Amino acid sequence: MPHIWEGLKASMLILQVCVYQTFRTVMAAVSPAVVIPCLFSLQERGYGKSKGIPTLVIAAATFDDVIAISAFSVALSIIFFTGEN
């Protein structure tokens, strides 16, 4: 997953764990507005259509975005935790 490698890059900075976790998720999010139209275009041209490669890549990009958004929300919750109920 790309966000793991981006996190390793960000961890080189001297920052708190939660702050670079937030940076990592922002850097790792794949833009569906770019990926999906390009893959649909390739699918219409017939590239990888027989093996379902564009569909697989779209599903993987969606899963990666779900993980990045979830990690971002968890990191923000930890950063802005006030300790009050």
C-alpha atoms as a PDB file:
ATOM      1  CA  MET A   1       0.000   0.000   0.000  1.00  0.00           C
ATOM      2  CA  PRO A   2       1.395   3.390  -0.932  1.00  0.00           C
ATOM      3  CA  HIS A   3       0.515   5.045   2.358  1.00  0.00           C
ATOM      4  CA  ILE A   4       2.964   2.801   4.203  1.00  0.00           C
ATOM      5  CA  TRP A   5       5.889   4.073   2.140  1.00  0.00           C
ATOM      6  CA  GLU A   6       4.716   7.664   2.441  1.00  0.00           C
ATOM      7  CA  GLY A   7       4.539   7.159   6.182  1.00  0.00           C
ATOM      8  CA  LEU A   8       8.107   5.944   6.262  1.00  0.00           C
ATOM      9  CA  LYS A   9       9.173   9.109   4.456  1.00  0.00           C
ATOM     10  CA  ALA A  10       7.237  11.304   6.838  1.00  0.00           C
ATOM     11  CA  SER A  11       8.575   9.461   9.886  1.00  0.00           C
ATOM     12  CA  MET A  12      12.024  10.796   9.081  1.00  0.00           C
ATOM     13  CA  LEU A  13      10.795  14.167  10.249  1.00  0.00           C
ATOM     14  CA  ILE A  14      11.018  14.964  13.932  1.00  0.00           C
ATOM     15  CA  LEU A  15       7.288  15.184  14.565  1.00  0.00           C
ATOM     16  CA  GLN A  16       4.838  13.553  16.875  1.00  0.00           C
ATOM     17  CA  VAL A  17       3.527  10.204  15.755  1.00  0.00           C
ATOM     18  CA  CYS A  18      -0.028  11.423  15.231  1.00  0.00           C
ATOM     19  CA  VAL A  19       1.006  14.477  13.248  1.00  0.00           C
ATOM     20  CA  TYR A  20       3.018  12.534  10.687  1.00  0.00           C
ATOM     21  CA  GLN A  21       0.276   9.897  10.615  1.00  0.00           C
ATOM     22  CA  THR A  22      -2.030  12.694   9.479  1.00  0.00           C
ATOM     23  CA  PHE A  23       0.496  13.868   6.878  1.00  0.00           C
ATOM     24  CA  ARG A  24       0.932  10.296   5.689  1.00  0.00           C
ATOM     25  CA  THR A  25      -2.738   9.771   5.048  1.00  0.00           C
ATOM     26  CA  VAL A  26      -3.069  13.059   3.197  1.00  0.00           C
ATOM     27  CA  MET A  27      -0.107  12.225   0.948  1.00  0.00           C
ATOM     28  CA  ALA A  28      -1.284   8.679   0.306  1.00  0.00           C
ATOM     29  CA  ALA A  29      -4.847   9.307  -0.731  1.00  0.00           C
ATOM     30  CA  VAL A  30      -5.316   8.389  -4.361  1.00  0.00           C
ATOM     31  CA  SER A  31      -7.520  10.821  -6.225  1.00  0.00           C
ATOM     32  CA  PRO A  32     -10.489   8.929  -7.657  1.00  0.00           C
ATOM     33  CA  ALA A  33     -11.119  11.862  -9.995  1.00  0.00           C
ATOM     34  CA  VAL A  34      -7.846  11.009 -11.763  1.00  0.00           C
ATOM     35  CA  VAL A  35      -7.604   7.230 -11.461  1.00  0.00           C
ATOM     36  CA  ILE A  36     -11.116   6.137 -12.417  1.00  0.00           C
ATOM     37  CA  PRO A  37     -11.556   8.104 -15.685  1.00  0.00           C
ATOM     38  CA  CYS A  38      -8.114   6.990 -16.863  1.00  0.00           C
ATOM     39  CA  LEU A  39      -8.878   3.354 -16.157  1.00  0.00           C
ATOM     40  CA  PHE A  40     -12.280   3.557 -17.825  1.00  0.00           C
ATOM     41  CA  SER A  41     -10.548   5.035 -20.865  1.00  0.00           C
ATOM     42  CA  LEU A  42      -8.055   2.166 -20.926  1.00  0.00           C
ATOM     43  CA  GLN A  43     -10.884  -0.336 -20.500  1.00  0.00           C
ATOM     44  CA  GLU A  44     -12.772   1.146 -23.467  1.00  0.00           C
ATOM     45  CA  ARG A  45      -9.618   0.754 -25.574  1.00  0.00           C
ATOM     46  CA  GLY A  46      -9.439  -2.901 -24.570  1.00  0.00           C
ATOM     47  CA  TYR A  47      -6.317  -2.811 -22.392  1.00  0.00           C
ATOM     48  CA  GLY A  48      -6.539  -5.489 -19.712  1.00  0.00           C
ATOM     49  CA  LYS A  49     -10.241  -5.970 -20.267  1.00  0.00           C
ATOM     50  CA  SER A  50     -10.077  -9.746 -20.693  1.00  0.00           C
ATOM     51  CA  LYS A  51      -8.363 -10.208 -17.323  1.00  0.00           C
ATOM     52  CA  GLY A  52     -10.317  -7.453 -15.551  1.00  0.00           C
ATOM     53  CA  ILE A  53      -7.230  -5.432 -14.651  1.00  0.00           C
ATOM     54  CA  PRO A  54      -8.890  -1.968 -14.733  1.00  0.00           C
ATOM     55  CA  THR A  55     -11.665  -3.207 -12.448  1.00  0.00           C
ATOM     56  CA  LEU A  56      -9.120  -4.666 -10.047  1.00  0.00           C
ATOM     57  CA  VAL A  57      -7.091  -1.448  -9.966  1.00  0.00           C
ATOM     58  CA  ILE A  58     -10.225   0.632  -9.338  1.00  0.00           C
ATOM     59  CA  ALA A  59     -11.174  -1.664  -6.450  1.00  0.00           C
ATOM     60  CA  ALA A  60      -7.650  -1.490  -5.015  1.00  0.00           C
ATOM     61  CA  ALA A  61      -7.608   2.327  -5.279  1.00  0.00           C
ATOM     62  CA  THR A  62     -10.976   2.478  -3.529  1.00  0.00           C
ATOM     63  CA  PHE A  63      -9.756   0.209  -0.739  1.00  0.00           C
ATOM     64  CA  ASP A  64      -6.598   2.312  -0.380  1.00  0.00           C
ATOM     65  CA  ASP A  65      -8.702   5.467  -0.087  1.00  0.00           C
ATOM     66  CA  VAL A  66     -10.887   3.869   2.592  1.00  0.00           C
ATOM     67  CA  ILE A  67      -7.803   2.942   4.615  1.00  0.00           C
ATOM     68  CA  ALA A  68      -6.267   6.427   4.176  1.00  0.00           C
ATOM     69  CA  ILE A  69      -9.486   8.212   5.194  1.00  0.00           C
ATOM     70  CA  SER A  70      -9.948   5.941   8.209  1.00  0.00           C
ATOM     71  CA  ALA A  71      -6.361   6.476   9.343  1.00  0.00           C
ATOM     72  CA  PHE A  72      -6.770  10.229   8.871  1.00  0.00           C
ATOM     73  CA  SER A  73      -9.877  10.351  11.028  1.00  0.00           C
ATOM     74  CA  VAL A  74      -8.251   8.227  13.743  1.00  0.00           C
ATOM     75  CA  ALA A  75      -5.165  10.456  13.757  1.00  0.00           C
ATOM     76  CA  LEU A  76      -7.281  13.602  13.987  1.00  0.00           C
ATOM     77  CA  SER A  77      -9.256  12.080  16.856  1.00  0.00           C
ATOM     78  CA  ILE A  78      -6.048  11.355  18.751  1.00  0.00           C
ATOM     79  CA  ILE A  79      -4.535  14.777  18.045  1.00  0.00           C
ATOM     80  CA  PHE A  80      -7.606  16.730  19.158  1.00  0.00           C
ATOM     81  CA  PHE A  81      -8.560  14.497  22.100  1.00  0.00           C
ATOM     82  CA  THR A  82      -9.420  16.673  25.094  1.00  0.00           C
ATOM     83  CA  GLY A  83      -9.999  13.959  27.675  1.00  0.00           C
ATOM     84  CA  GLU A  84     -13.512  15.120  28.440  1.00  0.00           C
ATOM     85  CA  ASN A  85     -16.556  12.881  28.154  1.00  0.00           C
END
